[in-house]
């Protein structure tokens, strides 16, 4: 693995969580640290909300912009994008 060069770095504690933003040569890296049990619960809640939005979208209900953007990002993140690339 190659050594990544960090150009800029910022660290901050916010409540029980700590985060670090690193500016690399070819992008950025964001790291969050906190209570692992609390993070697991929050991930489950977020996953349930995404599943709810997906069901609304499939049922044909109008989903407001920020939530449509979240769904599009989530689909790309999981590799199941429904957007066709033109050849």
PDB file of N, CA and C in Angstrom:
ATOM      1  N   UNK A   1       0.850  -1.179   0.000  1.00  0.00           N
ATOM      2  CA  UNK A   1       0.000   0.000   0.000  1.00  0.00           C
ATOM      3  C   UNK A   1       0.890   1.235   0.000  1.00  0.00           C
ATOM      4  N   UNK A   2       0.554   2.194  -0.817  1.00  0.00           N
ATOM      5  CA  UNK A   2       1.370   3.395  -0.906  1.00  0.00           C
ATOM      6  C   UNK A   2       1.048   4.346   0.236  1.00  0.00           C
ATOM      7  N   UNK A   3       2.039   5.115   0.613  1.00  0.00           N
ATOM      8  CA  UNK A   3       1.868   6.107   1.677  1.00  0.00           C
ATOM      9  C   UNK A   3       1.098   7.297   1.131  1.00  0.00           C
ATOM     10  N   UNK A   4       0.002   7.685   1.783  1.00  0.00           N
ATOM     11  CA  UNK A   4      -0.791   8.824   1.336  1.00  0.00           C
ATOM     12  C   UNK A   4      -0.263  10.088   2.000  1.00  0.00           C
ATOM     13  N   UNK A   5      -0.104  11.122   1.215  1.00  0.00           N
ATOM     14  CA  UNK A   5       0.412  12.378   1.732  1.00  0.00           C
ATOM     15  C   UNK A   5      -0.753  13.280   2.113  1.00  0.00           C
ATOM     16  N   UNK A   6      -0.795  13.688   3.377  1.00  0.00           N
ATOM     17  CA  UNK A   6      -1.846  14.567   3.883  1.00  0.00           C
ATOM     18  C   UNK A   6      -1.372  16.008   3.734  1.00  0.00           C
ATOM     19  N   UNK A   7      -2.136  16.801   2.971  1.00  0.00           N
ATOM     20  CA  UNK A   7      -1.771  18.197   2.756  1.00  0.00           C
ATOM     21  C   UNK A   7      -2.297  19.095   3.867  1.00  0.00           C
ATOM     22  N   UNK A   8      -3.543  18.882   4.271  1.00  0.00           N
ATOM     23  CA  UNK A   8      -4.166  19.645   5.359  1.00  0.00           C
ATOM     24  C   UNK A   8      -4.959  18.694   6.226  1.00  0.00           C
ATOM     25  N   UNK A   9      -5.139  19.073   7.487  1.00  0.00           N
ATOM     26  CA  UNK A   9      -5.869  18.207   8.411  1.00  0.00           C
ATOM     27  C   UNK A   9      -6.572  19.073   9.451  1.00  0.00           C
ATOM     28  N   UNK A  10      -7.795  18.681   9.805  1.00  0.00           N
ATOM     29  CA  UNK A  10      -8.549  19.370  10.854  1.00  0.00           C
ATOM     30  C   UNK A  10      -9.201  18.316  11.736  1.00  0.00           C
ATOM     31  N   UNK A  11      -9.145  18.524  13.052  1.00  0.00           N
ATOM     32  CA  UNK A  11      -9.774  17.619  14.009  1.00  0.00           C
ATOM     33  C   UNK A  11     -10.679  18.434  14.920  1.00  0.00           C
ATOM     34  N   UNK A  12     -11.813  17.827  15.320  1.00  0.00           N
ATOM     35  CA  UNK A  12     -12.774  18.533  16.168  1.00  0.00           C
ATOM     36  C   UNK A  12     -13.553  17.520  16.986  1.00  0.00           C
ATOM     37  N   UNK A  13     -13.829  17.857  18.228  1.00  0.00           N
ATOM     38  CA  UNK A  13     -14.714  17.043  19.068  1.00  0.00           C
ATOM     39  C   UNK A  13     -16.060  17.741  19.151  1.00  0.00           C
ATOM     40  N   UNK A  14     -17.113  16.987  18.866  1.00  0.00           N
ATOM     41  CA  UNK A  14     -18.474  17.521  18.922  1.00  0.00           C
ATOM     42  C   UNK A  14     -19.279  16.572  19.784  1.00  0.00           C
ATOM     43  N   UNK A  15     -19.571  16.987  21.000  1.00  0.00           N
ATOM     44  CA  UNK A  15     -20.280  16.120  21.931  1.00  0.00           C
ATOM     45  C   UNK A  15     -19.477  14.861  22.184  1.00  0.00           C
ATOM     46  N   UNK A  16     -20.107  13.694  22.097  1.00  0.00           N
ATOM     47  CA  UNK A  16     -19.383  12.446  22.346  1.00  0.00           C
ATOM     48  C   UNK A  16     -18.601  11.948  21.125  1.00  0.00           C
ATOM     49  N   UNK A  17     -18.649  12.676  20.024  1.00  0.00           N
ATOM     50  CA  UNK A  17     -18.008  12.232  18.788  1.00  0.00           C
ATOM     51  C   UNK A  17     -16.790  13.080  18.462  1.00  0.00           C
ATOM     52  N   UNK A  18     -15.853  12.451  17.780  1.00  0.00           N
ATOM     53  CA  UNK A  18     -14.683  13.146  17.258  1.00  0.00           C
ATOM     54  C   UNK A  18     -14.652  12.931  15.757  1.00  0.00           C
ATOM     55  N   UNK A  19     -14.286  13.955  15.010  1.00  0.00           N
ATOM     56  CA  UNK A  19     -14.153  13.775  13.576  1.00  0.00           C
ATOM     57  C   UNK A  19     -12.858  14.401  13.106  1.00  0.00           C
ATOM     58  N   UNK A  20     -12.357  13.865  11.998  1.00  0.00           N
ATOM     59  CA  UNK A  20     -11.113  14.353  11.422  1.00  0.00           C
ATOM     60  C   UNK A  20     -11.301  14.445   9.920  1.00  0.00           C
ATOM     61  N   UNK A  21     -10.914  15.577   9.344  1.00  0.00           N
ATOM     62  CA  UNK A  21     -10.972  15.801   7.904  1.00  0.00           C
ATOM     63  C   UNK A  21      -9.542  15.950   7.411  1.00  0.00           C
ATOM     64  N   UNK A  22      -9.180  15.125   6.443  1.00  0.00           N
ATOM     65  CA  UNK A  22      -7.830  15.170   5.890  1.00  0.00           C
ATOM     66  C   UNK A  22      -7.896  15.497   4.407  1.00  0.00           C
ATOM     67  N   UNK A  23      -7.132  16.482   3.992  1.00  0.00           N
ATOM     68  CA  UNK A  23      -7.019  16.826   2.577  1.00  0.00           C
ATOM     69  C   UNK A  23      -5.832  16.090   1.984  1.00  0.00           C
ATOM     70  N   UNK A  24      -6.091  15.107   1.138  1.00  0.00           N
ATOM     71  CA  UNK A  24      -5.050  14.303   0.516  1.00  0.00           C
ATOM     72  C   UNK A  24      -4.689  14.889  -0.845  1.00  0.00           C
ATOM     73  N   UNK A  25      -3.671  14.346  -1.470  1.00  0.00           N
ATOM     74  CA  UNK A  25      -3.258  14.828  -2.792  1.00  0.00           C
ATOM     75  C   UNK A  25      -4.350  14.629  -3.832  1.00  0.00           C
ATOM     76  N   UNK A  26      -5.122  13.540  -3.712  1.00  0.00           N
ATOM     77  CA  UNK A  26      -6.116  13.223  -4.736  1.00  0.00           C
ATOM     78  C   UNK A  26      -7.549  13.206  -4.212  1.00  0.00           C
ATOM     79  N   UNK A  27      -7.816  13.844  -3.069  1.00  0.00           N
ATOM     80  CA  UNK A  27      -9.184  13.879  -2.546  1.00  0.00           C
ATOM     81  C   UNK A  27      -9.205  14.180  -1.065  1.00  0.00           C
ATOM     82  N   UNK A  28     -10.285  13.782  -0.423  1.00  0.00           N
ATOM     83  CA  UNK A  28     -10.474  14.035   1.000  1.00  0.00           C
ATOM     84  C   UNK A  28     -10.837  12.746   1.712  1.00  0.00           C
ATOM     85  N   UNK A  29     -10.566  12.701   3.004  1.00  0.00           N
ATOM     86  CA  UNK A  29     -10.965  11.574   3.829  1.00  0.00           C
ATOM     87  C   UNK A  29     -11.577  12.144   5.108  1.00  0.00           C
ATOM     88  N   UNK A  30     -12.771  11.646   5.471  1.00  0.00           N
ATOM     89  CA  UNK A  30     -13.453  12.068   6.691  1.00  0.00           C
ATOM     90  C   UNK A  30     -13.550  10.850   7.601  1.00  0.00           C
ATOM     91  N   UNK A  31     -13.140  11.018   8.864  1.00  0.00           N
ATOM     92  CA  UNK A  31     -13.162   9.936   9.840  1.00  0.00           C
ATOM     93  C   UNK A  31     -13.968  10.375  11.051  1.00  0.00           C
ATOM     94  N   UNK A  32     -14.938   9.548  11.469  1.00  0.00           N
ATOM     95  CA  UNK A  32     -15.735   9.793  12.664  1.00  0.00           C
ATOM     96  C   UNK A  32     -15.404   8.734  13.695  1.00  0.00           C
ATOM     97  N   UNK A  33     -15.308   9.151  14.954  1.00  0.00           N
ATOM     98  CA  UNK A  33     -15.088   8.207  16.046  1.00  0.00           C
ATOM     99  C   UNK A  33     -16.081   8.523  17.160  1.00  0.00           C
ATOM    100  N   UNK A  34     -16.538   7.475  17.809  1.00  0.00           N
ATOM    101  CA  UNK A  34     -17.476   7.649  18.907  1.00  0.00           C
ATOM    102  C   UNK A  34     -17.820   6.321  19.529  1.00  0.00           C
ATOM    103  N   UNK A  35     -18.859   6.322  20.331  1.00  0.00           N
ATOM    104  CA  UNK A  35     -19.341   5.112  20.991  1.00  0.00           C
ATOM    105  C   UNK A  35     -19.876   4.155  19.924  1.00  0.00           C
ATOM    106  N   UNK A  36     -19.268   2.983  19.810  1.00  0.00           N
ATOM    107  CA  UNK A  36     -19.638   2.057  18.727  1.00  0.00           C
ATOM    108  C   UNK A  36     -21.084   1.574  18.835  1.00  0.00           C
ATOM    109  N   UNK A  37     -21.581   1.345  20.041  1.00  0.00           N
ATOM    110  CA  UNK A  37     -22.972   0.893  20.196  1.00  0.00           C
ATOM    111  C   UNK A  37     -23.957   1.966  19.747  1.00  0.00           C
ATOM    112  N   UNK A  38     -23.675   3.207  20.109  1.00  0.00           N
ATOM    113  CA  UNK A  38     -24.559   4.300  19.714  1.00  0.00           C
ATOM    114  C   UNK A  38     -24.538   4.491  18.194  1.00  0.00           C
ATOM    115  N   UNK A  39     -23.360   4.336  17.590  1.00  0.00           N
ATOM    116  CA  UNK A  39     -23.260   4.452  16.137  1.00  0.00           C
ATOM    117  C   UNK A  39     -24.032   3.344  15.431  1.00  0.00           C
ATOM    118  N   UNK A  40     -24.010   2.113  15.974  1.00  0.00           N
ATOM    119  CA  UNK A  40     -24.766   1.008  15.383  1.00  0.00           C
ATOM    120  C   UNK A  40     -26.254   1.295  15.393  1.00  0.00           C
ATOM    121  N   UNK A  41     -26.753   1.838  16.512  1.00  0.00           N
ATOM    122  CA  UNK A  41     -28.186   2.166  16.614  1.00  0.00           C
ATOM    123  C   UNK A  41     -28.547   3.241  15.596  1.00  0.00           C
ATOM    124  N   UNK A  42     -27.699   4.263  15.475  1.00  0.00           N
ATOM    125  CA  UNK A  42     -27.984   5.342  14.530  1.00  0.00           C
ATOM    126  C   UNK A  42     -27.944   4.839  13.090  1.00  0.00           C
ATOM    127  N   UNK A  43     -27.056   3.893  12.786  1.00  0.00           N
ATOM    128  CA  UNK A  43     -27.007   3.317  11.438  1.00  0.00           C
ATOM    129  C   UNK A  43     -28.279   2.536  11.136  1.00  0.00           C
ATOM    130  N   UNK A  44     -28.784   1.811  12.139  1.00  0.00           N
ATOM    131  CA  UNK A  44     -30.028   1.060  11.928  1.00  0.00           C
ATOM    132  C   UNK A  44     -31.191   2.001  11.641  1.00  0.00           C
ATOM    133  N   UNK A  45     -31.251   3.104  12.372  1.00  0.00           N
ATOM    134  CA  UNK A  45     -32.315   4.088  12.156  1.00  0.00           C
ATOM    135  C   UNK A  45     -32.190   4.690  10.758  1.00  0.00           C
ATOM    136  N   UNK A  46     -30.974   5.038  10.366  1.00  0.00           N
ATOM    137  CA  UNK A  46     -30.759   5.613   9.036  1.00  0.00           C
ATOM    138  C   UNK A  46     -31.118   4.600   7.950  1.00  0.00           C
ATOM    139  N   UNK A  47     -30.767   3.341   8.153  1.00  0.00           N
ATOM    140  CA  UNK A  47     -31.103   2.302   7.178  1.00  0.00           C
ATOM    141  C   UNK A  47     -32.599   2.108   7.042  1.00  0.00           C
ATOM    142  N   UNK A  48     -33.315   2.189   8.150  1.00  0.00           N
ATOM    143  CA  UNK A  48     -34.776   2.072   8.114  1.00  0.00           C
ATOM    144  C   UNK A  48     -35.393   3.231   7.356  1.00  0.00           C
ATOM    145  N   UNK A  49     -34.841   4.424   7.551  1.00  0.00           N
ATOM    146  CA  UNK A  49     -35.362   5.606   6.855  1.00  0.00           C
ATOM    147  C   UNK A  49     -35.124   5.489   5.350  1.00  0.00           C
ATOM    148  N   UNK A  50     -33.956   5.014   4.947  1.00  0.00           N
ATOM    149  CA  UNK A  50     -33.657   4.819   3.521  1.00  0.00           C
ATOM    150  C   UNK A  50     -34.609   3.783   2.927  1.00  0.00           C
ATOM    151  N   UNK A  51     -34.861   2.696   3.644  1.00  0.00           N
ATOM    152  CA  UNK A  51     -35.788   1.666   3.164  1.00  0.00           C
ATOM    153  C   UNK A  51     -37.191   2.239   2.989  1.00  0.00           C
ATOM    154  N   UNK A  52     -37.608   3.090   3.924  1.00  0.00           N
ATOM    155  CA  UNK A  52     -38.920   3.741   3.833  1.00  0.00           C
ATOM    156  C   UNK A  52     -38.986   4.633   2.593  1.00  0.00           C
ATOM    157  N   UNK A  53     -37.939   5.410   2.342  1.00  0.00           N
ATOM    158  CA  UNK A  53     -37.917   6.277   1.161  1.00  0.00           C
ATOM    159  C   UNK A  53     -37.953   5.463  -0.126  1.00  0.00           C
ATOM    160  N   UNK A  54     -37.252   4.325  -0.152  1.00  0.00           N
ATOM    161  CA  UNK A  54     -37.267   3.466  -1.332  1.00  0.00           C
ATOM    162  C   UNK A  54     -38.665   2.922  -1.589  1.00  0.00           C
ATOM    163  N   UNK A  55     -39.382   2.555  -0.544  1.00  0.00           N
ATOM    164  CA  UNK A  55     -40.743   2.052  -0.703  1.00  0.00           C
ATOM    165  C   UNK A  55     -41.666   3.143  -1.235  1.00  0.00           C
ATOM    166  N   UNK A  56     -41.503   4.366  -0.727  1.00  0.00           N
ATOM    167  CA  UNK A  56     -42.309   5.483  -1.238  1.00  0.00           C
ATOM    168  C   UNK A  56     -42.038   5.706  -2.722  1.00  0.00           C
ATOM    169  N   UNK A  57     -40.767   5.668  -3.097  1.00  0.00           N
ATOM    170  CA  UNK A  57     -40.390   5.898  -4.492  1.00  0.00           C
ATOM    171  C   UNK A  57     -40.963   4.810  -5.394  1.00  0.00           C
ATOM    172  N   UNK A  58     -40.856   3.545  -4.976  1.00  0.00           N
ATOM    173  CA  UNK A  58     -41.398   2.432  -5.758  1.00  0.00           C
ATOM    174  C   UNK A  58     -42.913   2.506  -5.885  1.00  0.00           C
ATOM    175  N   UNK A  59     -43.584   3.008  -4.844  1.00  0.00           N
ATOM    176  CA  UNK A  59     -45.043   3.096  -4.866  1.00  0.00           C
ATOM    177  C   UNK A  59     -45.537   4.263  -5.719  1.00  0.00           C
ATOM    178  N   UNK A  60     -44.612   5.123  -6.154  1.00  0.00           N
ATOM    179  CA  UNK A  60     -45.004   6.222  -7.027  1.00  0.00           C
ATOM    180  C   UNK A  60     -45.312   7.519  -6.306  1.00  0.00           C
ATOM    181  N   UNK A  61     -45.050   7.579  -5.019  1.00  0.00           N
ATOM    182  CA  UNK A  61     -45.262   8.822  -4.286  1.00  0.00           C
ATOM    183  C   UNK A  61     -44.133   9.796  -4.590  1.00  0.00           C
ATOM    184  N   UNK A  62     -44.466  11.092  -4.570  1.00  0.00           N
ATOM    185  CA  UNK A  62     -43.471  12.119  -4.809  1.00  0.00           C
ATOM    186  C   UNK A  62     -42.574  12.234  -3.582  1.00  0.00           C
ATOM    187  N   UNK A  63     -41.262  12.187  -3.816  1.00  0.00           N
ATOM    188  CA  UNK A  63     -40.287  12.289  -2.735  1.00  0.00           C
ATOM    189  C   UNK A  63     -39.570  13.628  -2.908  1.00  0.00           C
ATOM    190  N   UNK A  64     -39.557  14.490  -1.892  1.00  0.00           N
ATOM    191  CA  UNK A  64     -38.916  15.810  -2.012  1.00  0.00           C
ATOM    192  C   UNK A  64     -37.433  15.703  -2.380  1.00  0.00           C
ATOM    193  N   UNK A  65     -36.911  16.795  -2.953  1.00  0.00           N
ATOM    194  CA  UNK A  65     -35.555  16.822  -3.514  1.00  0.00           C
ATOM    195  C   UNK A  65     -34.462  16.274  -2.605  1.00  0.00           C
ATOM    196  N   UNK A  66     -34.291  16.763  -1.381  1.00  0.00           N
ATOM    197  CA  UNK A  66     -33.129  16.269  -0.626  1.00  0.00           C
ATOM    198  C   UNK A  66     -33.180  14.760  -0.400  1.00  0.00           C
ATOM    199  N   UNK A  67     -34.378  14.222  -0.277  1.00  0.00           N
ATOM    200  CA  UNK A  67     -34.522  12.780  -0.066  1.00  0.00           C
ATOM    201  C   UNK A  67     -34.301  11.998  -1.354  1.00  0.00           C
ATOM    202  N   UNK A  68     -34.720  12.555  -2.497  1.00  0.00           N
ATOM    203  CA  UNK A  68     -34.427  11.913  -3.784  1.00  0.00           C
ATOM    204  C   UNK A  68     -32.918  11.858  -3.995  1.00  0.00           C
ATOM    205  N   UNK A  69     -32.229  12.940  -3.621  1.00  0.00           N
ATOM    206  CA  UNK A  69     -30.779  12.987  -3.741  1.00  0.00           C
ATOM    207  C   UNK A  69     -30.136  11.923  -2.860  1.00  0.00           C
ATOM    208  N   UNK A  70     -30.646  11.757  -1.639  1.00  0.00           N
ATOM    209  CA  UNK A  70     -30.138  10.720  -0.740  1.00  0.00           C
ATOM    210  C   UNK A  70     -30.331   9.332  -1.346  1.00  0.00           C
ATOM    211  N   UNK A  71     -31.502   9.081  -1.927  1.00  0.00           N
ATOM    212  CA  UNK A  71     -31.764   7.782  -2.552  1.00  0.00           C
ATOM    213  C   UNK A  71     -30.817   7.526  -3.720  1.00  0.00           C
ATOM    214  N   UNK A  72     -30.603   8.533  -4.539  1.00  0.00           N
ATOM    215  CA  UNK A  72     -29.699   8.385  -5.678  1.00  0.00           C
ATOM    216  C   UNK A  72     -28.284   8.075  -5.190  1.00  0.00           C
ATOM    217  N   UNK A  73     -27.831   8.804  -4.175  1.00  0.00           N
ATOM    218  CA  UNK A  73     -26.502   8.553  -3.617  1.00  0.00           C
ATOM    219  C   UNK A  73     -26.408   7.142  -3.043  1.00  0.00           C
ATOM    220  N   UNK A  74     -27.432   6.730  -2.300  1.00  0.00           N
ATOM    221  CA  UNK A  74     -27.421   5.415  -1.661  1.00  0.00           C
ATOM    222  C   UNK A  74     -27.383   4.300  -2.700  1.00  0.00           C
ATOM    223  N   UNK A  75     -28.156   4.463  -3.780  1.00  0.00           N
ATOM    224  CA  UNK A  75     -28.158   3.458  -4.842  1.00  0.00           C
ATOM    225  C   UNK A  75     -26.790   3.356  -5.515  1.00  0.00           C
ATOM    226  N   UNK A  76     -26.160   4.492  -5.762  1.00  0.00           N
ATOM    227  CA  UNK A  76     -24.817   4.465  -6.360  1.00  0.00           C
ATOM    228  C   UNK A  76     -23.822   3.855  -5.395  1.00  0.00           C
ATOM    229  N   UNK A  77     -23.951   4.159  -4.128  1.00  0.00           N
ATOM    230  CA  UNK A  77     -23.044   3.633  -3.108  1.00  0.00           C
ATOM    231  C   UNK A  77     -23.125   2.110  -3.038  1.00  0.00           C
ATOM    232  N   UNK A  78     -24.337   1.578  -3.164  1.00  0.00           N
ATOM    233  CA  UNK A  78     -24.539   0.130  -3.104  1.00  0.00           C
ATOM    234  C   UNK A  78     -24.396  -0.546  -4.460  1.00  0.00           C
ATOM    235  N   UNK A  79     -24.126   0.218  -5.508  1.00  0.00           N
ATOM    236  CA  UNK A  79     -23.895  -0.365  -6.826  1.00  0.00           C
ATOM    237  C   UNK A  79     -25.134  -0.833  -7.540  1.00  0.00           C
ATOM    238  N   UNK A  80     -26.285  -0.332  -7.154  1.00  0.00           N
ATOM    239  CA  UNK A  80     -27.508  -0.748  -7.843  1.00  0.00           C
ATOM    240  C   UNK A  80     -28.243   0.455  -8.428  1.00  0.00           C
ATOM    241  N   UNK A  81     -27.488   1.267  -9.132  1.00  0.00           N
ATOM    242  CA  UNK A  81     -28.039   2.465  -9.743  1.00  0.00           C
ATOM    243  C   UNK A  81     -29.049   2.086 -10.817  1.00  0.00           C
ATOM    244  N   UNK A  82     -30.187   2.753 -10.812  1.00  0.00           N
ATOM    245  CA  UNK A  82     -31.222   2.472 -11.794  1.00  0.00           C
ATOM    246  C   UNK A  82     -31.077   3.382 -13.013  1.00  0.00           C
ATOM    247  N   UNK A  83     -30.067   4.230 -13.023  1.00  0.00           N
ATOM    248  CA  UNK A  83     -29.868   5.156 -14.124  1.00  0.00           C
ATOM    249  C   UNK A  83     -29.045   4.481 -15.202  1.00  0.00           C
ATOM    250  N   UNK A  84     -29.579   4.482 -16.438  1.00  0.00           N
ATOM    251  CA  UNK A  84     -28.921   3.820 -17.556  1.00  0.00           C
ATOM    252  C   UNK A  84     -27.877   4.743 -18.149  1.00  0.00           C
ATOM    253  N   UNK A  85     -26.699   4.189 -18.418  1.00  0.00           N
ATOM    254  CA  UNK A  85     -25.657   4.952 -19.098  1.00  0.00           C
ATOM    255  C   UNK A  85     -25.830   4.755 -20.589  1.00  0.00           C
ATOM    256  N   UNK A  86     -25.790   5.849 -21.329  1.00  0.00           N
ATOM    257  CA  UNK A  86     -25.964   5.736 -22.788  1.00  0.00           C
ATOM    258  C   UNK A  86     -24.676   5.252 -23.413  1.00  0.00           C
ATOM    259  N   UNK A  87     -24.804   4.380 -24.402  1.00  0.00           N
ATOM    260  CA  UNK A  87     -23.620   3.787 -25.046  1.00  0.00           C
ATOM    261  C   UNK A  87     -23.213   4.558 -26.263  1.00  0.00           C
TER     262      UNK A  87
END
